[in-house]
Amino acid sequence: MQDEGWREAVQKELNALEKFNVWTPCELPISEKAIETRWIISTRHLDISTAFLNGEIQSTVYMKPPEGTNRKRGVLKLKKAMYDLR
């Protein structure tokens, strides 16, 4: 993330995820696996920054922290579905 525009877009997304309480930082239970994450930011401009929040999820899902977060260890337990999570 070397381009200032990308850093700005990522920070905006992180702020929205925190504002809407999408995850809880935690340690990964031994019996679980965490999904990988990566940023996919479109070059098209949309002002719908929270369209990815699809409400509460029924399954337990852990994900590795995306680039740009300050988490050096642990995982994030999702409370709400996001993006293309299936």
PDB file of N, CA and C in Angstrom:
ATOM      1  N   MET A   1       0.849  -1.190   0.000  1.00  0.00           N
ATOM      2  CA  MET A   1       0.000   0.000   0.000  1.00  0.00           C
ATOM      3  C   MET A   1       0.887   1.243   0.000  1.00  0.00           C
ATOM      4  N   GLN A   2       1.474   1.520  -1.101  1.00  0.00           N
ATOM      5  CA  GLN A   2       2.377   2.654  -1.150  1.00  0.00           C
ATOM      6  C   GLN A   2       1.713   3.903  -1.702  1.00  0.00           C
ATOM      7  N   ASP A   3       0.675   3.756  -2.493  1.00  0.00           N
ATOM      8  CA  ASP A   3      -0.013   4.896  -3.074  1.00  0.00           C
ATOM      9  C   ASP A   3      -0.906   5.557  -2.027  1.00  0.00           C
ATOM     10  N   GLU A   4      -0.833   6.862  -1.913  1.00  0.00           N
ATOM     11  CA  GLU A   4      -1.617   7.595  -0.908  1.00  0.00           C
ATOM     12  C   GLU A   4      -3.119   7.403  -1.087  1.00  0.00           C
ATOM     13  N   GLY A   5      -3.585   7.337  -2.327  1.00  0.00           N
ATOM     14  CA  GLY A   5      -5.002   7.122  -2.588  1.00  0.00           C
ATOM     15  C   GLY A   5      -5.485   5.780  -2.062  1.00  0.00           C
ATOM     16  N   TRP A   6      -4.655   4.747  -2.233  1.00  0.00           N
ATOM     17  CA  TRP A   6      -5.009   3.418  -1.721  1.00  0.00           C
ATOM     18  C   TRP A   6      -5.019   3.411  -0.202  1.00  0.00           C
ATOM     19  N   ARG A   7      -4.018   4.024   0.400  1.00  0.00           N
ATOM     20  CA  ARG A   7      -3.976   4.074   1.868  1.00  0.00           C
ATOM     21  C   ARG A   7      -5.198   4.780   2.417  1.00  0.00           C
ATOM     22  N   GLU A   8      -5.599   5.850   1.761  1.00  0.00           N
ATOM     23  CA  GLU A   8      -6.781   6.605   2.176  1.00  0.00           C
ATOM     24  C   GLU A   8      -8.052   5.756   2.057  1.00  0.00           C
ATOM     25  N   ALA A   9      -8.182   5.034   0.952  1.00  0.00           N
ATOM     26  CA  ALA A   9      -9.354   4.180   0.733  1.00  0.00           C
ATOM     27  C   ALA A   9      -9.406   3.051   1.758  1.00  0.00           C
ATOM     28  N   VAL A  10      -8.264   2.440   2.040  1.00  0.00           N
ATOM     29  CA  VAL A  10      -8.202   1.358   3.027  1.00  0.00           C
ATOM     30  C   VAL A  10      -8.561   1.891   4.406  1.00  0.00           C
ATOM     31  N   GLN A  11      -8.037   3.047   4.773  1.00  0.00           N
ATOM     32  CA  GLN A  11      -8.340   3.618   6.085  1.00  0.00           C
ATOM     33  C   GLN A  11      -9.831   3.935   6.215  1.00  0.00           C
ATOM     34  N   LYS A  12     -10.443   4.408   5.142  1.00  0.00           N
ATOM     35  CA  LYS A  12     -11.877   4.699   5.148  1.00  0.00           C
ATOM     36  C   LYS A  12     -12.677   3.420   5.388  1.00  0.00           C
ATOM     37  N   GLU A  13     -12.273   2.333   4.728  1.00  0.00           N
ATOM     38  CA  GLU A  13     -12.947   1.046   4.916  1.00  0.00           C
ATOM     39  C   GLU A  13     -12.760   0.538   6.345  1.00  0.00           C
ATOM     40  N   LEU A  14     -11.531   0.623   6.862  1.00  0.00           N
ATOM     41  CA  LEU A  14     -11.276   0.178   8.233  1.00  0.00           C
ATOM     42  C   LEU A  14     -12.113   0.967   9.232  1.00  0.00           C
ATOM     43  N   ASN A  15     -12.216   2.261   9.030  1.00  0.00           N
ATOM     44  CA  ASN A  15     -13.030   3.099   9.920  1.00  0.00           C
ATOM     45  C   ASN A  15     -14.494   2.658   9.893  1.00  0.00           C
ATOM     46  N   ALA A  16     -15.016   2.358   8.703  1.00  0.00           N
ATOM     47  CA  ALA A  16     -16.409   1.915   8.581  1.00  0.00           C
ATOM     48  C   ALA A  16     -16.607   0.565   9.267  1.00  0.00           C
ATOM     49  N   LEU A  17     -15.650  -0.350   9.101  1.00  0.00           N
ATOM     50  CA  LEU A  17     -15.754  -1.666   9.726  1.00  0.00           C
ATOM     51  C   LEU A  17     -15.766  -1.554  11.247  1.00  0.00           C
ATOM     52  N   GLU A  18     -14.938  -0.669  11.780  1.00  0.00           N
ATOM     53  CA  GLU A  18     -14.910  -0.454  13.229  1.00  0.00           C
ATOM     54  C   GLU A  18     -16.192   0.233  13.707  1.00  0.00           C
ATOM     55  N   LYS A  19     -16.636   1.226  12.970  1.00  0.00           N
ATOM     56  CA  LYS A  19     -17.844   1.975  13.344  1.00  0.00           C
ATOM     57  C   LYS A  19     -19.060   1.059  13.445  1.00  0.00           C
ATOM     58  N   PHE A  20     -19.164   0.102  12.520  1.00  0.00           N
ATOM     59  CA  PHE A  20     -20.319  -0.781  12.483  1.00  0.00           C
ATOM     60  C   PHE A  20     -20.092  -2.101  13.217  1.00  0.00           C
ATOM     61  N   ASN A  21     -19.010  -2.149  14.014  1.00  0.00           N
ATOM     62  CA  ASN A  21     -18.766  -3.291  14.906  1.00  0.00           C
ATOM     63  C   ASN A  21     -18.830  -4.619  14.152  1.00  0.00           C
ATOM     64  N   VAL A  22     -18.051  -4.719  13.090  1.00  0.00           N
ATOM     65  CA  VAL A  22     -18.087  -5.884  12.212  1.00  0.00           C
ATOM     66  C   VAL A  22     -17.310  -7.071  12.778  1.00  0.00           C
ATOM     67  N   TRP A  23     -16.290  -6.809  13.601  1.00  0.00           N
ATOM     68  CA  TRP A  23     -15.489  -7.903  14.131  1.00  0.00           C
ATOM     69  C   TRP A  23     -15.059  -7.651  15.562  1.00  0.00           C
ATOM     70  N   THR A  24     -14.560  -8.725  16.185  1.00  0.00           N
ATOM     71  CA  THR A  24     -13.991  -8.661  17.519  1.00  0.00           C
ATOM     72  C   THR A  24     -12.597  -9.268  17.445  1.00  0.00           C
ATOM     73  N   PRO A  25     -11.562  -8.543  17.860  1.00  0.00           N
ATOM     74  CA  PRO A  25     -10.218  -9.132  17.894  1.00  0.00           C
ATOM     75  C   PRO A  25     -10.176 -10.259  18.923  1.00  0.00           C
ATOM     76  N   CYS A  26      -9.479 -11.342  18.594  1.00  0.00           N
ATOM     77  CA  CYS A  26      -9.370 -12.465  19.519  1.00  0.00           C
ATOM     78  C   CYS A  26      -8.193 -13.345  19.114  1.00  0.00           C
ATOM     79  N   GLU A  27      -7.950 -14.351  19.926  1.00  0.00           N
ATOM     80  CA  GLU A  27      -6.965 -15.373  19.582  1.00  0.00           C
ATOM     81  C   GLU A  27      -7.709 -16.504  18.872  1.00  0.00           C
ATOM     82  N   LEU A  28      -7.078 -17.124  17.905  1.00  0.00           N
ATOM     83  CA  LEU A  28      -7.705 -18.198  17.142  1.00  0.00           C
ATOM     84  C   LEU A  28      -7.741 -19.478  17.977  1.00  0.00           C
ATOM     85  N   PRO A  29      -8.942 -20.029  18.198  1.00  0.00           N
ATOM     86  CA  PRO A  29      -9.024 -21.312  18.908  1.00  0.00           C
ATOM     87  C   PRO A  29      -8.265 -22.388  18.135  1.00  0.00           C
ATOM     88  N   ILE A  30      -7.674 -23.322  18.851  1.00  0.00           N
ATOM     89  CA  ILE A  30      -6.847 -24.365  18.230  1.00  0.00           C
ATOM     90  C   ILE A  30      -7.614 -25.153  17.176  1.00  0.00           C
ATOM     91  N   SER A  31      -8.873 -25.394  17.395  1.00  0.00           N
ATOM     92  CA  SER A  31      -9.663 -26.228  16.483  1.00  0.00           C
ATOM     93  C   SER A  31     -10.201 -25.480  15.263  1.00  0.00           C
ATOM     94  N   GLU A  32      -9.917 -24.193  15.151  1.00  0.00           N
ATOM     95  CA  GLU A  32     -10.465 -23.371  14.065  1.00  0.00           C
ATOM     96  C   GLU A  32      -9.390 -22.947  13.074  1.00  0.00           C
ATOM     97  N   LYS A  33      -9.827 -22.483  11.896  1.00  0.00           N
ATOM     98  CA  LYS A  33      -8.934 -21.917  10.880  1.00  0.00           C
ATOM     99  C   LYS A  33      -9.419 -20.517  10.553  1.00  0.00           C
ATOM    100  N   ALA A  34      -8.496 -19.640  10.204  1.00  0.00           N
ATOM    101  CA  ALA A  34      -8.842 -18.271   9.816  1.00  0.00           C
ATOM    102  C   ALA A  34      -8.728 -18.129   8.306  1.00  0.00           C
ATOM    103  N   ILE A  35      -9.705 -17.438   7.707  1.00  0.00           N
ATOM    104  CA  ILE A  35      -9.648 -17.207   6.267  1.00  0.00           C
ATOM    105  C   ILE A  35      -8.676 -16.074   5.963  1.00  0.00           C
ATOM    106  N   GLU A  36      -8.088 -16.121   4.795  1.00  0.00           N
ATOM    107  CA  GLU A  36      -7.180 -15.070   4.335  1.00  0.00           C
ATOM    108  C   GLU A  36      -7.983 -13.829   3.957  1.00  0.00           C
ATOM    109  N   THR A  37      -7.347 -12.685   3.976  1.00  0.00           N
ATOM    110  CA  THR A  37      -8.000 -11.454   3.551  1.00  0.00           C
ATOM    111  C   THR A  37      -7.115 -10.724   2.547  1.00  0.00           C
ATOM    112  N   ARG A  38      -7.755  -9.911   1.751  1.00  0.00           N
ATOM    113  CA  ARG A  38      -7.023  -9.032   0.836  1.00  0.00           C
ATOM    114  C   ARG A  38      -7.956  -7.899   0.447  1.00  0.00           C
ATOM    115  N   TRP A  39      -7.386  -6.779   0.143  1.00  0.00           N
ATOM    116  CA  TRP A  39      -8.165  -5.604  -0.257  1.00  0.00           C
ATOM    117  C   TRP A  39      -8.452  -5.670  -1.748  1.00  0.00           C
ATOM    118  N   ILE A  40      -9.698  -5.424  -2.097  1.00  0.00           N
ATOM    119  CA  ILE A  40     -10.095  -5.263  -3.493  1.00  0.00           C
ATOM    120  C   ILE A  40     -10.865  -3.957  -3.546  1.00  0.00           C
ATOM    121  N   ILE A  41     -10.195  -2.934  -4.021  1.00  0.00           N
ATOM    122  CA  ILE A  41     -10.809  -1.610  -4.066  1.00  0.00           C
ATOM    123  C   ILE A  41     -10.965  -1.210  -5.520  1.00  0.00           C
ATOM    124  N   SER A  42     -12.186  -0.963  -5.911  1.00  0.00           N
ATOM    125  CA  SER A  42     -12.500  -0.626  -7.294  1.00  0.00           C
ATOM    126  C   SER A  42     -12.052   0.799  -7.611  1.00  0.00           C
ATOM    127  N   THR A  43     -11.691   1.006  -8.854  1.00  0.00           N
ATOM    128  CA  THR A  43     -11.320   2.355  -9.275  1.00  0.00           C
ATOM    129  C   THR A  43     -12.539   3.192  -9.594  1.00  0.00           C
ATOM    130  N   ARG A  44     -13.699   2.549  -9.668  1.00  0.00           N
ATOM    131  CA  ARG A  44     -14.940   3.295  -9.872  1.00  0.00           C
ATOM    132  C   ARG A  44     -15.370   3.915  -8.558  1.00  0.00           C
ATOM    133  N   HIS A  45     -15.929   5.112  -8.595  1.00  0.00           N
ATOM    134  CA  HIS A  45     -16.319   5.818  -7.358  1.00  0.00           C
ATOM    135  C   HIS A  45     -17.753   5.533  -6.992  1.00  0.00           C
ATOM    136  N   LEU A  46     -17.963   4.996  -5.803  1.00  0.00           N
ATOM    137  CA  LEU A  46     -19.291   4.782  -5.264  1.00  0.00           C
ATOM    138  C   LEU A  46     -19.335   5.390  -3.871  1.00  0.00           C
ATOM    139  N   ASP A  47     -20.441   6.006  -3.521  1.00  0.00           N
ATOM    140  CA  ASP A  47     -20.582   6.586  -2.195  1.00  0.00           C
ATOM    141  C   ASP A  47     -21.361   5.671  -1.258  1.00  0.00           C
ATOM    142  N   ILE A  48     -21.293   4.390  -1.517  1.00  0.00           N
ATOM    143  CA  ILE A  48     -22.000   3.432  -0.689  1.00  0.00           C
ATOM    144  C   ILE A  48     -20.945   2.616   0.050  1.00  0.00           C
ATOM    145  N   SER A  49     -20.317   3.226   1.030  1.00  0.00           N
ATOM    146  CA  SER A  49     -19.180   2.583   1.681  1.00  0.00           C
ATOM    147  C   SER A  49     -19.560   1.454   2.618  1.00  0.00           C
ATOM    148  N   THR A  50     -20.836   1.321   2.986  1.00  0.00           N
ATOM    149  CA  THR A  50     -21.221   0.247   3.891  1.00  0.00           C
ATOM    150  C   THR A  50     -22.143  -0.771   3.236  1.00  0.00           C
ATOM    151  N   ALA A  51     -22.179  -0.815   1.929  1.00  0.00           N
ATOM    152  CA  ALA A  51     -23.047  -1.759   1.223  1.00  0.00           C
ATOM    153  C   ALA A  51     -22.636  -3.203   1.470  1.00  0.00           C
ATOM    154  N   PHE A  52     -21.408  -3.419   1.909  1.00  0.00           N
ATOM    155  CA  PHE A  52     -20.901  -4.762   2.129  1.00  0.00           C
ATOM    156  C   PHE A  52     -21.409  -5.380   3.417  1.00  0.00           C
ATOM    157  N   LEU A  53     -22.014  -4.620   4.294  1.00  0.00           N
ATOM    158  CA  LEU A  53     -22.473  -5.153   5.565  1.00  0.00           C
ATOM    159  C   LEU A  53     -23.828  -5.818   5.379  1.00  0.00           C
ATOM    160  N   ASN A  54     -23.848  -7.127   5.496  1.00  0.00           N
ATOM    161  CA  ASN A  54     -25.054  -7.878   5.213  1.00  0.00           C
ATOM    162  C   ASN A  54     -25.727  -8.414   6.467  1.00  0.00           C
ATOM    163  N   GLY A  55     -25.578  -7.766   7.568  1.00  0.00           N
ATOM    164  CA  GLY A  55     -26.242  -8.200   8.788  1.00  0.00           C
ATOM    165  C   GLY A  55     -25.485  -9.270   9.542  1.00  0.00           C
ATOM    166  N   GLU A  56     -26.121  -9.760  10.579  1.00  0.00           N
ATOM    167  CA  GLU A  56     -25.518 -10.770  11.441  1.00  0.00           C
ATOM    168  C   GLU A  56     -25.277 -12.065  10.670  1.00  0.00           C
ATOM    169  N   ILE A  57     -24.214 -12.782  11.045  1.00  0.00           N
ATOM    170  CA  ILE A  57     -23.948 -14.083  10.428  1.00  0.00           C
ATOM    171  C   ILE A  57     -24.236 -15.181  11.445  1.00  0.00           C
ATOM    172  N   GLN A  58     -24.614 -16.330  10.955  1.00  0.00           N
ATOM    173  CA  GLN A  58     -24.982 -17.448  11.822  1.00  0.00           C
ATOM    174  C   GLN A  58     -23.798 -18.365  12.134  1.00  0.00           C
ATOM    175  N   SER A  59     -22.812 -18.392  11.282  1.00  0.00           N
ATOM    176  CA  SER A  59     -21.643 -19.254  11.475  1.00  0.00           C
ATOM    177  C   SER A  59     -20.550 -18.510  12.225  1.00  0.00           C
ATOM    178  N   THR A  60     -19.636 -19.268  12.804  1.00  0.00           N
ATOM    179  CA  THR A  60     -18.463 -18.662  13.429  1.00  0.00           C
ATOM    180  C   THR A  60     -17.386 -18.560  12.368  1.00  0.00           C
ATOM    181  N   VAL A  61     -16.940 -17.331  12.092  1.00  0.00           N
ATOM    182  CA  VAL A  61     -15.940 -17.099  11.050  1.00  0.00           C
ATOM    183  C   VAL A  61     -14.810 -16.256  11.639  1.00  0.00           C
ATOM    184  N   TYR A  62     -13.575 -16.753  11.464  1.00  0.00           N
ATOM    185  CA  TYR A  62     -12.388 -16.024  11.879  1.00  0.00           C
ATOM    186  C   TYR A  62     -11.630 -15.625  10.623  1.00  0.00           C
ATOM    187  N   MET A  63     -11.061 -14.436  10.631  1.00  0.00           N
ATOM    188  CA  MET A  63     -10.264 -14.008   9.486  1.00  0.00           C
ATOM    189  C   MET A  63      -8.964 -13.384   9.961  1.00  0.00           C
ATOM    190  N   LYS A  64      -7.962 -13.504   9.112  1.00  0.00           N
ATOM    191  CA  LYS A  64      -6.690 -12.867   9.399  1.00  0.00           C
ATOM    192  C   LYS A  64      -6.869 -11.370   9.204  1.00  0.00           C
ATOM    193  N   PRO A  65      -6.246 -10.544  10.047  1.00  0.00           N
ATOM    194  CA  PRO A  65      -6.416  -9.094   9.915  1.00  0.00           C
ATOM    195  C   PRO A  65      -5.936  -8.601   8.543  1.00  0.00           C
ATOM    196  N   PRO A  66      -6.727  -7.737   7.906  1.00  0.00           N
ATOM    197  CA  PRO A  66      -6.300  -7.200   6.612  1.00  0.00           C
ATOM    198  C   PRO A  66      -5.141  -6.223   6.774  1.00  0.00           C
ATOM    199  N   GLU A  67      -4.403  -6.038   5.699  1.00  0.00           N
ATOM    200  CA  GLU A  67      -3.308  -5.076   5.687  1.00  0.00           C
ATOM    201  C   GLU A  67      -3.845  -3.695   6.058  1.00  0.00           C
ATOM    202  N   GLY A  68      -3.125  -3.007   6.900  1.00  0.00           N
ATOM    203  CA  GLY A  68      -3.545  -1.672   7.316  1.00  0.00           C
ATOM    204  C   GLY A  68      -4.046  -1.631   8.743  1.00  0.00           C
ATOM    205  N   THR A  69      -4.391  -2.801   9.300  1.00  0.00           N
ATOM    206  CA  THR A  69      -4.787  -2.824  10.707  1.00  0.00           C
ATOM    207  C   THR A  69      -3.529  -2.836  11.563  1.00  0.00           C
ATOM    208  N   ASN A  70      -3.679  -2.503  12.810  1.00  0.00           N
ATOM    209  CA  ASN A  70      -2.532  -2.480  13.726  1.00  0.00           C
ATOM    210  C   ASN A  70      -2.323  -3.814  14.431  1.00  0.00           C
ATOM    211  N   ARG A  71      -3.092  -4.821  14.077  1.00  0.00           N
ATOM    212  CA  ARG A  71      -2.983  -6.121  14.743  1.00  0.00           C
ATOM    213  C   ARG A  71      -1.779  -6.883  14.223  1.00  0.00           C
ATOM    214  N   LYS A  72      -0.875  -7.225  15.111  1.00  0.00           N
ATOM    215  CA  LYS A  72       0.319  -7.985  14.748  1.00  0.00           C
ATOM    216  C   LYS A  72       0.132  -9.470  14.994  1.00  0.00           C
ATOM    217  N   ARG A  73      -0.820  -9.833  15.887  1.00  0.00           N
ATOM    218  CA  ARG A  73      -1.093 -11.232  16.167  1.00  0.00           C
ATOM    219  C   ARG A  73      -2.582 -11.400  16.415  1.00  0.00           C
ATOM    220  N   GLY A  74      -3.000 -12.636  16.469  1.00  0.00           N
ATOM    221  CA  GLY A  74      -4.412 -12.899  16.676  1.00  0.00           C
ATOM    222  C   GLY A  74      -5.198 -12.810  15.380  1.00  0.00           C
ATOM    223  N   VAL A  75      -6.506 -12.946  15.506  1.00  0.00           N
ATOM    224  CA  VAL A  75      -7.405 -12.924  14.362  1.00  0.00           C
ATOM    225  C   VAL A  75      -8.599 -12.032  14.681  1.00  0.00           C
ATOM    226  N   LEU A  76      -9.510 -11.940  13.735  1.00  0.00           N
ATOM    227  CA  LEU A  76     -10.734 -11.176  13.916  1.00  0.00           C
ATOM    228  C   LEU A  76     -11.915 -12.125  13.782  1.00  0.00           C
ATOM    229  N   LYS A  77     -12.785 -12.141  14.771  1.00  0.00           N
ATOM    230  CA  LYS A  77     -13.994 -12.959  14.721  1.00  0.00           C
ATOM    231  C   LYS A  77     -15.103 -12.083  14.167  1.00  0.00           C
ATOM    232  N   LEU A  78     -15.659 -12.495  13.031  1.00  0.00           N
ATOM    233  CA  LEU A  78     -16.677 -11.682  12.374  1.00  0.00           C
ATOM    234  C   LEU A  78     -18.009 -11.747  13.107  1.00  0.00           C
ATOM    235  N   LYS A  79     -18.649 -10.582  13.207  1.00  0.00           N
ATOM    236  CA  LYS A  79     -19.991 -10.480  13.768  1.00  0.00           C
ATOM    237  C   LYS A  79     -21.013 -10.251  12.666  1.00  0.00           C
ATOM    238  N   LYS A  80     -20.549  -9.694  11.549  1.00  0.00           N
ATOM    239  CA  LYS A  80     -21.422  -9.379  10.414  1.00  0.00           C
ATOM    240  C   LYS A  80     -20.763  -9.845   9.132  1.00  0.00           C
ATOM    241  N   ALA A  81     -21.599 -10.246   8.185  1.00  0.00           N
ATOM    242  CA  ALA A  81     -21.078 -10.685   6.893  1.00  0.00           C
ATOM    243  C   ALA A  81     -20.545  -9.482   6.130  1.00  0.00           C
ATOM    244  N   MET A  82     -19.522  -9.710   5.339  1.00  0.00           N
ATOM    245  CA  MET A  82     -18.954  -8.628   4.551  1.00  0.00           C
ATOM    246  C   MET A  82     -18.525  -9.109   3.176  1.00  0.00           C
ATOM    247  N   TYR A  83     -18.620  -8.216   2.206  1.00  0.00           N
ATOM    248  CA  TYR A  83     -18.199  -8.459   0.834  1.00  0.00           C
ATOM    249  C   TYR A  83     -18.781  -9.753   0.289  1.00  0.00           C
ATOM    250  N   ASP A  84     -17.920 -10.618  -0.239  1.00  0.00           N
ATOM    251  CA  ASP A  84     -18.368 -11.870  -0.863  1.00  0.00           C
ATOM    252  C   ASP A  84     -18.283 -13.056   0.073  1.00  0.00           C
ATOM    253  N   LEU A  85     -18.406 -12.834   1.345  1.00  0.00           N
ATOM    254  CA  LEU A  85     -18.348 -13.941   2.307  1.00  0.00           C
ATOM    255  C   LEU A  85     -19.545 -14.861   2.069  1.00  0.00           C
ATOM    256  N   ARG A  86     -19.258 -16.127   1.852  1.00  0.00           N
ATOM    257  CA  ARG A  86     -20.335 -17.088   1.593  1.00  0.00           C
ATOM    258  C   ARG A  86     -20.255 -18.215   2.604  1.00  0.00           C
TER     259      ARG A  86
END
